Amino acid sequence: MSVKTLGKRVKFVRKQHNMTQVNFAKSLGISQANLSEIESGKSIPSIEILVSLVTQYKVDMHWLILSEEILYTKEIQKDEVELISTYRQLQDIAKEEVIDYIKLKLLRFKK
């Protein structure tokens, strides 16, 4: 990923939260000038800034720096944890059947 793309994504997050550069920079513990350089691609944010951005604004790190599609992280619900835990206990053949079943249900009950 280029520095410019990373800067554009930082700016995108800021705009999504309707924040000025001053307020957004303050929330990240940096100066407005530093944020401006990051957003314009002239500067690379430190790992601390990236972690702060991911933590405070629930932005997916992969999307931010690796160009993957997921924008915001989602909390895993209790039933999802149970599903994953149970799935991991299955034999491989049973896992394949579960995946097929879920795909079938998705086709039938897609949101």
PDB file of N, CA and C in Angstrom:
ATOM      1  N   MET A   1       0.837  -1.185   0.000  1.00  0.00           N
ATOM      2  CA  MET A   1       0.000   0.000   0.000  1.00  0.00           C
ATOM      3  C   MET A   1       0.876   1.241   0.000  1.00  0.00           C
ATOM      4  N   SER A   2       0.459   2.225  -0.729  1.00  0.00           N
ATOM      5  CA  SER A   2       1.223   3.470  -0.755  1.00  0.00           C
ATOM      6  C   SER A   2       0.876   4.338   0.455  1.00  0.00           C
ATOM      7  N   VAL A   3       1.772   5.249   0.766  1.00  0.00           N
ATOM      8  CA  VAL A   3       1.571   6.177   1.874  1.00  0.00           C
ATOM      9  C   VAL A   3       0.349   7.051   1.588  1.00  0.00           C
ATOM     10  N   LYS A   4       0.161   7.423   0.326  1.00  0.00           N
ATOM     11  CA  LYS A   4      -0.986   8.265  -0.039  1.00  0.00           C
ATOM     12  C   LYS A   4      -2.303   7.543   0.242  1.00  0.00           C
ATOM     13  N   THR A   5      -2.369   6.254  -0.083  1.00  0.00           N
ATOM     14  CA  THR A   5      -3.595   5.494   0.164  1.00  0.00           C
ATOM     15  C   THR A   5      -3.877   5.415   1.649  1.00  0.00           C
ATOM     16  N   LEU A   6      -2.862   5.172   2.451  1.00  0.00           N
ATOM     17  CA  LEU A   6      -3.026   5.128   3.900  1.00  0.00           C
ATOM     18  C   LEU A   6      -3.547   6.475   4.404  1.00  0.00           C
ATOM     19  N   GLY A   7      -2.978   7.543   3.915  1.00  0.00           N
ATOM     20  CA  GLY A   7      -3.427   8.877   4.305  1.00  0.00           C
ATOM     21  C   GLY A   7      -4.875   9.135   3.920  1.00  0.00           C
ATOM     22  N   LYS A   8      -5.267   8.678   2.735  1.00  0.00           N
ATOM     23  CA  LYS A   8      -6.648   8.843   2.290  1.00  0.00           C
ATOM     24  C   LYS A   8      -7.600   8.081   3.201  1.00  0.00           C
ATOM     25  N   ARG A   9      -7.169   6.915   3.672  1.00  0.00           N
ATOM     26  CA  ARG A   9      -8.025   6.124   4.554  1.00  0.00           C
ATOM     27  C   ARG A   9      -8.154   6.766   5.928  1.00  0.00           C
ATOM     28  N   VAL A  10      -7.075   7.338   6.415  1.00  0.00           N
ATOM     29  CA  VAL A  10      -7.131   8.056   7.693  1.00  0.00           C
ATOM     30  C   VAL A  10      -8.112   9.220   7.555  1.00  0.00           C
ATOM     31  N   LYS A  11      -8.010   9.946   6.468  1.00  0.00           N
ATOM     32  CA  LYS A  11      -8.910  11.070   6.220  1.00  0.00           C
ATOM     33  C   LYS A  11     -10.357  10.580   6.102  1.00  0.00           C
ATOM     34  N   PHE A  12     -10.560   9.465   5.436  1.00  0.00           N
ATOM     35  CA  PHE A  12     -11.891   8.890   5.287  1.00  0.00           C
ATOM     36  C   PHE A  12     -12.511   8.603   6.654  1.00  0.00           C
ATOM     37  N   VAL A  13     -11.740   8.011   7.558  1.00  0.00           N
ATOM     38  CA  VAL A  13     -12.232   7.712   8.904  1.00  0.00           C
ATOM     39  C   VAL A  13     -12.607   9.009   9.617  1.00  0.00           C
ATOM     40  N   ARG A  14     -11.750   9.999   9.515  1.00  0.00           N
ATOM     41  CA  ARG A  14     -12.027  11.290  10.153  1.00  0.00           C
ATOM     42  C   ARG A  14     -13.336  11.876   9.633  1.00  0.00           C
ATOM     43  N   LYS A  15     -13.511  11.866   8.324  1.00  0.00           N
ATOM     44  CA  LYS A  15     -14.713  12.431   7.708  1.00  0.00           C
ATOM     45  C   LYS A  15     -15.957  11.632   8.110  1.00  0.00           C
ATOM     46  N   GLN A  16     -15.821  10.303   8.225  1.00  0.00           N
ATOM     47  CA  GLN A  16     -16.941   9.469   8.637  1.00  0.00           C
ATOM     48  C   GLN A  16     -17.443   9.842  10.029  1.00  0.00           C
ATOM     49  N   HIS A  17     -16.545  10.360  10.847  1.00  0.00           N
ATOM     50  CA  HIS A  17     -16.906  10.762  12.205  1.00  0.00           C
ATOM     51  C   HIS A  17     -17.180  12.267  12.311  1.00  0.00           C
ATOM     52  N   ASN A  18     -17.265  12.918  11.155  1.00  0.00           N
ATOM     53  CA  ASN A  18     -17.568  14.359  11.098  1.00  0.00           C
ATOM     54  C   ASN A  18     -16.679  15.175  12.027  1.00  0.00           C
ATOM     55  N   MET A  19     -15.380  14.899  11.959  1.00  0.00           N
ATOM     56  CA  MET A  19     -14.441  15.589  12.841  1.00  0.00           C
ATOM     57  C   MET A  19     -13.517  16.483  12.031  1.00  0.00           C
ATOM     58  N   THR A  20     -13.129  17.586  12.640  1.00  0.00           N
ATOM     59  CA  THR A  20     -12.132  18.457  12.039  1.00  0.00           C
ATOM     60  C   THR A  20     -10.764  17.820  12.232  1.00  0.00           C
ATOM     61  N   GLN A  21      -9.796  18.300  11.481  1.00  0.00           N
ATOM     62  CA  GLN A  21      -8.430  17.808  11.673  1.00  0.00           C
ATOM     63  C   GLN A  21      -7.954  18.080  13.097  1.00  0.00           C
ATOM     64  N   VAL A  22      -8.309  19.217  13.634  1.00  0.00           N
ATOM     65  CA  VAL A  22      -7.870  19.592  14.984  1.00  0.00           C
ATOM     66  C   VAL A  22      -8.410  18.596  16.017  1.00  0.00           C
ATOM     67  N   ASN A  23      -9.716  18.347  15.976  1.00  0.00           N
ATOM     68  CA  ASN A  23     -10.322  17.430  16.951  1.00  0.00           C
ATOM     69  C   ASN A  23      -9.848  15.992  16.770  1.00  0.00           C
ATOM     70  N   PHE A  24      -9.752  15.556  15.523  1.00  0.00           N
ATOM     71  CA  PHE A  24      -9.320  14.189  15.238  1.00  0.00           C
ATOM     72  C   PHE A  24      -7.870  13.988  15.689  1.00  0.00           C
ATOM     73  N   ALA A  25      -7.035  14.951  15.360  1.00  0.00           N
ATOM     74  CA  ALA A  25      -5.619  14.872  15.759  1.00  0.00           C
ATOM     75  C   ALA A  25      -5.501  14.816  17.278  1.00  0.00           C
ATOM     76  N   LYS A  26      -6.264  15.648  17.945  1.00  0.00           N
ATOM     77  CA  LYS A  26      -6.235  15.679  19.416  1.00  0.00           C
ATOM     78  C   LYS A  26      -6.631  14.318  19.990  1.00  0.00           C
ATOM     79  N   SER A  27      -7.642  13.682  19.392  1.00  0.00           N
ATOM     80  CA  SER A  27      -8.090  12.371  19.882  1.00  0.00           C
ATOM     81  C   SER A  27      -7.023  11.294  19.701  1.00  0.00           C
ATOM     82  N   LEU A  28      -6.147  11.509  18.716  1.00  0.00           N
ATOM     83  CA  LEU A  28      -5.063  10.557  18.452  1.00  0.00           C
ATOM     84  C   LEU A  28      -3.766  10.929  19.173  1.00  0.00           C
ATOM     85  N   GLY A  29      -3.782  12.089  19.822  1.00  0.00           N
ATOM     86  CA  GLY A  29      -2.597  12.531  20.559  1.00  0.00           C
ATOM     87  C   GLY A  29      -1.496  13.086  19.680  1.00  0.00           C
ATOM     88  N   ILE A  30      -1.886  13.664  18.540  1.00  0.00           N
ATOM     89  CA  ILE A  30      -0.910  14.261  17.632  1.00  0.00           C
ATOM     90  C   ILE A  30      -1.353  15.681  17.286  1.00  0.00           C
ATOM     91  N   SER A  31      -0.471  16.411  16.621  1.00  0.00           N
ATOM     92  CA  SER A  31      -0.817  17.775  16.217  1.00  0.00           C
ATOM     93  C   SER A  31      -1.625  17.751  14.923  1.00  0.00           C
ATOM     94  N   GLN A  32      -2.331  18.859  14.686  1.00  0.00           N
ATOM     95  CA  GLN A  32      -3.089  18.986  13.446  1.00  0.00           C
ATOM     96  C   GLN A  32      -2.142  18.965  12.252  1.00  0.00           C
ATOM     97  N   ALA A  33      -0.975  19.558  12.401  1.00  0.00           N
ATOM     98  CA  ALA A  33       0.009  19.576  11.309  1.00  0.00           C
ATOM     99  C   ALA A  33       0.467  18.157  10.974  1.00  0.00           C
ATOM    100  N   ASN A  34       0.696  17.355  12.006  1.00  0.00           N
ATOM    101  CA  ASN A  34       1.106  15.965  11.791  1.00  0.00           C
ATOM    102  C   ASN A  34      -0.003  15.195  11.069  1.00  0.00           C
ATOM    103  N   LEU A  35      -1.250  15.377  11.491  1.00  0.00           N
ATOM    104  CA  LEU A  35      -2.374  14.712  10.837  1.00  0.00           C
ATOM    105  C   LEU A  35      -2.487  15.146   9.384  1.00  0.00           C
ATOM    106  N   SER A  36      -2.310  16.426   9.127  1.00  0.00           N
ATOM    107  CA  SER A  36      -2.376  16.941   7.764  1.00  0.00           C
ATOM    108  C   SER A  36      -1.333  16.256   6.873  1.00  0.00           C
ATOM    109  N   GLU A  37      -0.132  16.076   7.394  1.00  0.00           N
ATOM    110  CA  GLU A  37       0.922  15.408   6.623  1.00  0.00           C
ATOM    111  C   GLU A  37       0.593  13.938   6.382  1.00  0.00           C
ATOM    112  N   ILE A  38      -0.014  13.288   7.373  1.00  0.00           N
ATOM    113  CA  ILE A  38      -0.423  11.888   7.211  1.00  0.00           C
ATOM    114  C   ILE A  38      -1.499  11.785   6.133  1.00  0.00           C
ATOM    115  N   GLU A  39      -2.524  12.632   6.234  1.00  0.00           N
ATOM    116  CA  GLU A  39      -3.630  12.587   5.279  1.00  0.00           C
ATOM    117  C   GLU A  39      -3.193  12.903   3.853  1.00  0.00           C
ATOM    118  N   SER A  40      -2.196  13.742   3.708  1.00  0.00           N
ATOM    119  CA  SER A  40      -1.722  14.099   2.363  1.00  0.00           C
ATOM    120  C   SER A  40      -0.694  13.111   1.818  1.00  0.00           C
ATOM    121  N   GLY A  41      -0.296  12.148   2.637  1.00  0.00           N
ATOM    122  CA  GLY A  41       0.666  11.145   2.195  1.00  0.00           C
ATOM    123  C   GLY A  41       2.108  11.581   2.308  1.00  0.00           C
ATOM    124  N   LYS A  42       2.353  12.673   2.993  1.00  0.00           N
ATOM    125  CA  LYS A  42       3.720  13.173   3.163  1.00  0.00           C
ATOM    126  C   LYS A  42       4.416  12.540   4.358  1.00  0.00           C
ATOM    127  N   SER A  43       3.630  11.896   5.217  1.00  0.00           N
ATOM    128  CA  SER A  43       4.168  11.312   6.440  1.00  0.00           C
ATOM    129  C   SER A  43       3.475   9.983   6.713  1.00  0.00           C
ATOM    130  N   ILE A  44       4.191   9.075   7.343  1.00  0.00           N
ATOM    131  CA  ILE A  44       3.636   7.773   7.717  1.00  0.00           C
ATOM    132  C   ILE A  44       3.324   7.807   9.216  1.00  0.00           C
ATOM    133  N   PRO A  45       2.105   7.419   9.603  1.00  0.00           N
ATOM    134  CA  PRO A  45       1.783   7.418  11.026  1.00  0.00           C
ATOM    135  C   PRO A  45       2.561   6.337  11.772  1.00  0.00           C
ATOM    136  N   SER A  46       2.877   6.614  13.022  1.00  0.00           N
ATOM    137  CA  SER A  46       3.571   5.625  13.842  1.00  0.00           C
ATOM    138  C   SER A  46       2.618   4.483  14.173  1.00  0.00           C
ATOM    139  N   ILE A  47       3.170   3.388  14.633  1.00  0.00           N
ATOM    140  CA  ILE A  47       2.343   2.250  15.032  1.00  0.00           C
ATOM    141  C   ILE A  47       1.410   2.652  16.174  1.00  0.00           C
ATOM    142  N   GLU A  48       1.875   3.541  17.055  1.00  0.00           N
ATOM    143  CA  GLU A  48       1.035   3.998  18.162  1.00  0.00           C
ATOM    144  C   GLU A  48      -0.195   4.743  17.648  1.00  0.00           C
ATOM    145  N   ILE A  49       0.007   5.560  16.632  1.00  0.00           N
ATOM    146  CA  ILE A  49      -1.115   6.301  16.046  1.00  0.00           C
ATOM    147  C   ILE A  49      -2.085   5.329  15.375  1.00  0.00           C
ATOM    148  N   LEU A  50      -1.548   4.356  14.648  1.00  0.00           N
ATOM    149  CA  LEU A  50      -2.402   3.371  13.984  1.00  0.00           C
ATOM    150  C   LEU A  50      -3.218   2.573  15.004  1.00  0.00           C
ATOM    151  N   VAL A  51      -2.559   2.151  16.081  1.00  0.00           N
ATOM    152  CA  VAL A  51      -3.261   1.390  17.125  1.00  0.00           C
ATOM    153  C   VAL A  51      -4.345   2.254  17.763  1.00  0.00           C
ATOM    154  N   SER A  52      -4.042   3.509  18.013  1.00  0.00           N
ATOM    155  CA  SER A  52      -5.021   4.422  18.588  1.00  0.00           C
ATOM    156  C   SER A  52      -6.216   4.590  17.653  1.00  0.00           C
ATOM    157  N   LEU A  53      -5.960   4.737  16.379  1.00  0.00           N
ATOM    158  CA  LEU A  53      -7.017   4.886  15.382  1.00  0.00           C
ATOM    159  C   LEU A  53      -7.892   3.639  15.342  1.00  0.00           C
ATOM    160  N   VAL A  54      -7.272   2.478  15.315  1.00  0.00           N
ATOM    161  CA  VAL A  54      -8.001   1.208  15.265  1.00  0.00           C
ATOM    162  C   VAL A  54      -8.835   1.014  16.528  1.00  0.00           C
ATOM    163  N   THR A  55      -8.253   1.315  17.665  1.00  0.00           N
ATOM    164  CA  THR A  55      -8.925   1.113  18.947  1.00  0.00           C
ATOM    165  C   THR A  55     -10.066   2.095  19.158  1.00  0.00           C
ATOM    166  N   GLN A  56      -9.806   3.361  18.972  1.00  0.00           N
ATOM    167  CA  GLN A  56     -10.816   4.384  19.243  1.00  0.00           C
ATOM    168  C   GLN A  56     -11.963   4.404  18.236  1.00  0.00           C
ATOM    169  N   TYR A  57     -11.639   4.163  16.972  1.00  0.00           N
ATOM    170  CA  TYR A  57     -12.641   4.319  15.922  1.00  0.00           C
ATOM    171  C   TYR A  57     -13.099   2.991  15.333  1.00  0.00           C
ATOM    172  N   LYS A  58     -12.680   1.889  15.956  1.00  0.00           N
ATOM    173  CA  LYS A  58     -13.110   0.531  15.563  1.00  0.00           C
ATOM    174  C   LYS A  58     -12.892   0.259  14.079  1.00  0.00           C
ATOM    175  N   VAL A  59     -11.752   0.726  13.580  1.00  0.00           N
ATOM    176  CA  VAL A  59     -11.391   0.523  12.185  1.00  0.00           C
ATOM    177  C   VAL A  59     -10.580  -0.759  12.082  1.00  0.00           C
ATOM    178  N   ASP A  60     -10.825  -1.540  11.055  1.00  0.00           N
ATOM    179  CA  ASP A  60     -10.086  -2.771  10.858  1.00  0.00           C
ATOM    180  C   ASP A  60      -8.670  -2.460  10.367  1.00  0.00           C
ATOM    181  N   MET A  61      -7.671  -2.990  11.064  1.00  0.00           N
ATOM    182  CA  MET A  61      -6.265  -2.740  10.719  1.00  0.00           C
ATOM    183  C   MET A  61      -5.940  -3.231   9.310  1.00  0.00           C
ATOM    184  N   HIS A  62      -6.521  -4.357   8.915  1.00  0.00           N
ATOM    185  CA  HIS A  62      -6.264  -4.877   7.564  1.00  0.00           C
ATOM    186  C   HIS A  62      -6.752  -3.899   6.504  1.00  0.00           C
ATOM    187  N   TRP A  63      -7.931  -3.351   6.718  1.00  0.00           N
ATOM    188  CA  TRP A  63      -8.447  -2.372   5.765  1.00  0.00           C
ATOM    189  C   TRP A  63      -7.543  -1.144   5.727  1.00  0.00           C
ATOM    190  N   LEU A  64      -7.123  -0.715   6.907  1.00  0.00           N
ATOM    191  CA  LEU A  64      -6.341   0.512   7.009  1.00  0.00           C
ATOM    192  C   LEU A  64      -4.999   0.412   6.297  1.00  0.00           C
ATOM    193  N   ILE A  65      -4.277  -0.680   6.513  1.00  0.00           N
ATOM    194  CA  ILE A  65      -2.915  -0.750   5.967  1.00  0.00           C
ATOM    195  C   ILE A  65      -2.694  -1.793   4.886  1.00  0.00           C
ATOM    196  N   LEU A  66      -3.619  -2.750   4.744  1.00  0.00           N
ATOM    197  CA  LEU A  66      -3.400  -3.822   3.773  1.00  0.00           C
ATOM    198  C   LEU A  66      -4.413  -3.845   2.640  1.00  0.00           C
ATOM    199  N   SER A  67      -5.267  -2.857   2.580  1.00  0.00           N
ATOM    200  CA  SER A  67      -6.254  -2.718   1.504  1.00  0.00           C
ATOM    201  C   SER A  67      -7.310  -3.807   1.483  1.00  0.00           C
ATOM    202  N   GLU A  68      -7.571  -4.462   2.601  1.00  0.00           N
ATOM    203  CA  GLU A  68      -8.642  -5.442   2.614  1.00  0.00           C
ATOM    204  C   GLU A  68      -9.966  -4.722   2.761  1.00  0.00           C
ATOM    205  N   GLU A  69     -11.036  -5.402   2.443  1.00  0.00           N
ATOM    206  CA  GLU A  69     -12.332  -4.757   2.279  1.00  0.00           C
ATOM    207  C   GLU A  69     -13.078  -4.389   3.550  1.00  0.00           C
ATOM    208  N   ILE A  70     -12.845  -5.049   4.653  1.00  0.00           N
ATOM    209  CA  ILE A  70     -13.605  -4.791   5.868  1.00  0.00           C
ATOM    210  C   ILE A  70     -13.192  -3.437   6.434  1.00  0.00           C
ATOM    211  N   LEU A  71     -14.148  -2.578   6.672  1.00  0.00           N
ATOM    212  CA  LEU A  71     -13.853  -1.242   7.187  1.00  0.00           C
ATOM    213  C   LEU A  71     -13.879  -1.196   8.704  1.00  0.00           C
ATOM    214  N   TYR A  72     -14.977  -1.603   9.313  1.00  0.00           N
ATOM    215  CA  TYR A  72     -15.098  -1.538  10.759  1.00  0.00           C
ATOM    216  C   TYR A  72     -15.123  -2.931  11.356  1.00  0.00           C
ATOM    217  N   THR A  73     -14.450  -3.065  12.481  1.00  0.00           N
ATOM    218  CA  THR A  73     -14.464  -4.347  13.180  1.00  0.00           C
ATOM    219  C   THR A  73     -15.809  -4.509  13.869  1.00  0.00           C
ATOM    220  N   LYS A  74     -16.182  -5.740  14.068  1.00  0.00           N
ATOM    221  CA  LYS A  74     -17.442  -6.034  14.741  1.00  0.00           C
ATOM    222  C   LYS A  74     -17.156  -6.899  15.952  1.00  0.00           C
ATOM    223  N   GLU A  75     -17.872  -6.623  17.010  1.00  0.00           N
ATOM    224  CA  GLU A  75     -17.746  -7.449  18.198  1.00  0.00           C
ATOM    225  C   GLU A  75     -18.386  -8.805  17.914  1.00  0.00           C
ATOM    226  N   ILE A  76     -17.748  -9.865  18.398  1.00  0.00           N
ATOM    227  CA  ILE A  76     -18.301 -11.202  18.222  1.00  0.00           C
ATOM    228  C   ILE A  76     -19.364 -11.423  19.292  1.00  0.00           C
ATOM    229  N   GLN A  77     -20.531 -11.836  18.861  1.00  0.00           N
ATOM    230  CA  GLN A  77     -21.653 -12.069  19.763  1.00  0.00           C
ATOM    231  C   GLN A  77     -21.487 -13.418  20.467  1.00  0.00           C
ATOM    232  N   LYS A  78     -22.185 -13.588  21.564  1.00  0.00           N
ATOM    233  CA  LYS A  78     -22.096 -14.805  22.372  1.00  0.00           C
ATOM    234  C   LYS A  78     -22.434 -16.051  21.549  1.00  0.00           C
ATOM    235  N   ASP A  79     -23.486 -15.977  20.739  1.00  0.00           N
ATOM    236  CA  ASP A  79     -23.870 -17.135  19.932  1.00  0.00           C
ATOM    237  C   ASP A  79     -22.821 -17.453  18.859  1.00  0.00           C
ATOM    238  N   GLU A  80     -22.128 -16.425  18.371  1.00  0.00           N
ATOM    239  CA  GLU A  80     -21.065 -16.648  17.395  1.00  0.00           C
ATOM    240  C   GLU A  80     -19.872 -17.350  18.033  1.00  0.00           C
ATOM    241  N   VAL A  81     -19.561 -16.979  19.270  1.00  0.00           N
ATOM    242  CA  VAL A  81     -18.473 -17.639  19.997  1.00  0.00           C
ATOM    243  C   VAL A  81     -18.812 -19.113  20.200  1.00  0.00           C
ATOM    244  N   GLU A  82     -20.060 -19.379  20.586  1.00  0.00           N
ATOM    245  CA  GLU A  82     -20.500 -20.766  20.782  1.00  0.00           C
ATOM    246  C   GLU A  82     -20.419 -21.549  19.480  1.00  0.00           C
ATOM    247  N   LEU A  83     -20.840 -20.933  18.392  1.00  0.00           N
ATOM    248  CA  LEU A  83     -20.802 -21.585  17.090  1.00  0.00           C
ATOM    249  C   LEU A  83     -19.363 -21.935  16.693  1.00  0.00           C
ATOM    250  N   ILE A  84     -18.451 -20.994  16.862  1.00  0.00           N
ATOM    251  CA  ILE A  84     -17.046 -21.225  16.520  1.00  0.00           C
ATOM    252  C   ILE A  84     -16.446 -22.308  17.398  1.00  0.00           C
ATOM    253  N   SER A  85     -16.723 -22.247  18.678  1.00  0.00           N
ATOM    254  CA  SER A  85     -16.200 -23.242  19.616  1.00  0.00           C
ATOM    255  C   SER A  85     -16.686 -24.642  19.266  1.00  0.00           C
ATOM    256  N   THR A  86     -17.956 -24.763  18.966  1.00  0.00           N
ATOM    257  CA  THR A  86     -18.527 -26.064  18.600  1.00  0.00           C
ATOM    258  C   THR A  86     -17.961 -26.547  17.265  1.00  0.00           C
ATOM    259  N   TYR A  87     -17.865 -25.652  16.316  1.00  0.00           N
ATOM    260  CA  TYR A  87     -17.331 -25.986  14.991  1.00  0.00           C
ATOM    261  C   TYR A  87     -15.910 -26.550  15.090  1.00  0.00           C
ATOM    262  N   ARG A  88     -15.091 -25.948  15.930  1.00  0.00           N
ATOM    263  CA  ARG A  88     -13.700 -26.380  16.081  1.00  0.00           C
ATOM    264  C   ARG A  88     -13.578 -27.792  16.639  1.00  0.00           C
ATOM    265  N   GLN A  89     -14.614 -28.277  17.274  1.00  0.00           N
ATOM    266  CA  GLN A  89     -14.586 -29.615  17.856  1.00  0.00           C
ATOM    267  C   GLN A  89     -14.953 -30.702  16.846  1.00  0.00           C
ATOM    268  N   LEU A  90     -15.443 -30.300  15.688  1.00  0.00           N
ATOM    269  CA  LEU A  90     -15.882 -31.254  14.670  1.00  0.00           C
ATOM    270  C   LEU A  90     -14.721 -31.842  13.879  1.00  0.00           C
ATOM    271  N   GLN A  91     -14.972 -33.035  13.330  1.00  0.00           N
ATOM    272  CA  GLN A  91     -14.017 -33.620  12.391  1.00  0.00           C
ATOM    273  C   GLN A  91     -14.127 -32.861  11.069  1.00  0.00           C
ATOM    274  N   ASP A  92     -13.102 -32.968  10.235  1.00  0.00           N
ATOM    275  CA  ASP A  92     -13.065 -32.207   8.978  1.00  0.00           C
ATOM    276  C   ASP A  92     -14.284 -32.461   8.092  1.00  0.00           C
ATOM    277  N   ILE A  93     -14.704 -33.711   7.978  1.00  0.00           N
ATOM    278  CA  ILE A  93     -15.850 -34.039   7.117  1.00  0.00           C
ATOM    279  C   ILE A  93     -17.116 -33.355   7.636  1.00  0.00           C
ATOM    280  N   ALA A  94     -17.271 -33.312   8.949  1.00  0.00           N
ATOM    281  CA  ALA A  94     -18.438 -32.652   9.543  1.00  0.00           C
ATOM    282  C   ALA A  94     -18.364 -31.133   9.333  1.00  0.00           C
ATOM    283  N   LYS A  95     -17.151 -30.574   9.379  1.00  0.00           N
ATOM    284  CA  LYS A  95     -16.988 -29.141   9.127  1.00  0.00           C
ATOM    285  C   LYS A  95     -17.446 -28.790   7.718  1.00  0.00           C
ATOM    286  N   GLU A  96     -17.109 -29.634   6.755  1.00  0.00           N
ATOM    287  CA  GLU A  96     -17.530 -29.399   5.375  1.00  0.00           C
ATOM    288  C   GLU A  96     -19.053 -29.404   5.264  1.00  0.00           C
ATOM    289  N   GLU A  97     -19.697 -30.332   5.967  1.00  0.00           N
ATOM    290  CA  GLU A  97     -21.157 -30.412   5.949  1.00  0.00           C
ATOM    291  C   GLU A  97     -21.780 -29.157   6.561  1.00  0.00           C
ATOM    292  N   VAL A  98     -21.182 -28.672   7.636  1.00  0.00           N
ATOM    293  CA  VAL A  98     -21.688 -27.464   8.284  1.00  0.00           C
ATOM    294  C   VAL A  98     -21.588 -26.276   7.331  1.00  0.00           C
ATOM    295  N   ILE A  99     -20.460 -26.143   6.657  1.00  0.00           N
ATOM    296  CA  ILE A  99     -20.280 -25.040   5.703  1.00  0.00           C
ATOM    297  C   ILE A  99     -21.318 -25.131   4.586  1.00  0.00           C
ATOM    298  N   ASP A 100     -21.525 -26.337   4.056  1.00  0.00           N
ATOM    299  CA  ASP A 100     -22.529 -26.518   3.007  1.00  0.00           C
ATOM    300  C   ASP A 100     -23.924 -26.132   3.501  1.00  0.00           C
ATOM    301  N   TYR A 101     -24.248 -26.538   4.720  1.00  0.00           N
ATOM    302  CA  TYR A 101     -25.549 -26.231   5.314  1.00  0.00           C
ATOM    303  C   TYR A 101     -25.731 -24.722   5.486  1.00  0.00           C
ATOM    304  N   ILE A 102     -24.697 -24.059   5.966  1.00  0.00           N
ATOM    305  CA  ILE A 102     -24.771 -22.606   6.162  1.00  0.00           C
ATOM    306  C   ILE A 102     -24.956 -21.894   4.824  1.00  0.00           C
ATOM    307  N   LYS A 103     -24.251 -22.349   3.806  1.00  0.00           N
ATOM    308  CA  LYS A 103     -24.402 -21.743   2.472  1.00  0.00           C
ATOM    309  C   LYS A 103     -25.827 -21.917   1.950  1.00  0.00           C
ATOM    310  N   LEU A 104     -26.399 -23.108   2.186  1.00  0.00           N
ATOM    311  CA  LEU A 104     -27.761 -23.360   1.772  1.00  0.00           C
ATOM    312  C   LEU A 104     -28.743 -22.421   2.499  1.00  0.00           C
ATOM    313  N   LYS A 105     -28.547 -22.271   3.801  1.00  0.00           N
ATOM    314  CA  LYS A 105     -29.412 -21.372   4.590  1.00  0.00           C
ATOM    315  C   LYS A 105     -29.241 -19.923   4.137  1.00  0.00           C
ATOM    316  N   LEU A 106     -28.031 -19.544   3.795  1.00  0.00           N
ATOM    317  CA  LEU A 106     -27.780 -18.195   3.324  1.00  0.00           C
ATOM    318  C   LEU A 106     -28.538 -17.908   2.041  1.00  0.00           C
ATOM    319  N   LEU A 107     -28.551 -18.869   1.144  1.00  0.00           N
ATOM    320  CA  LEU A 107     -29.300 -18.708  -0.108  1.00  0.00           C
ATOM    321  C   LEU A 107     -30.800 -18.537   0.172  1.00  0.00           C
ATOM    322  N   ARG A 108     -31.292 -19.279   1.129  1.00  0.00           N
ATOM    323  CA  ARG A 108     -32.726 -19.260   1.424  1.00  0.00           C
ATOM    324  C   ARG A 108     -33.149 -18.023   2.239  1.00  0.00           C
ATOM    325  N   PHE A 109     -32.301 -17.610   3.181  1.00  0.00           N
ATOM    326  CA  PHE A 109     -32.700 -16.560   4.111  1.00  0.00           C
ATOM    327  C   PHE A 109     -31.808 -15.334   4.054  1.00  0.00           C
ATOM    328  N   LYS A 110     -31.251 -15.038   2.920  1.00  0.00           N
ATOM    329  CA  LYS A 110     -30.347 -13.898   2.788  1.00  0.00           C
ATOM    330  C   LYS A 110     -31.039 -12.604   3.212  1.00  0.00           C
ATOM    331  N   LYS A 111     -30.324 -11.766   3.989  1.00  0.00           N
ATOM    332  CA  LYS A 111     -30.887 -10.492   4.475  1.00  0.00           C
ATOM    333  C   LYS A 111     -31.059  -9.512   3.354  1.00  0.00           C
TER     334      LYS A 111
END
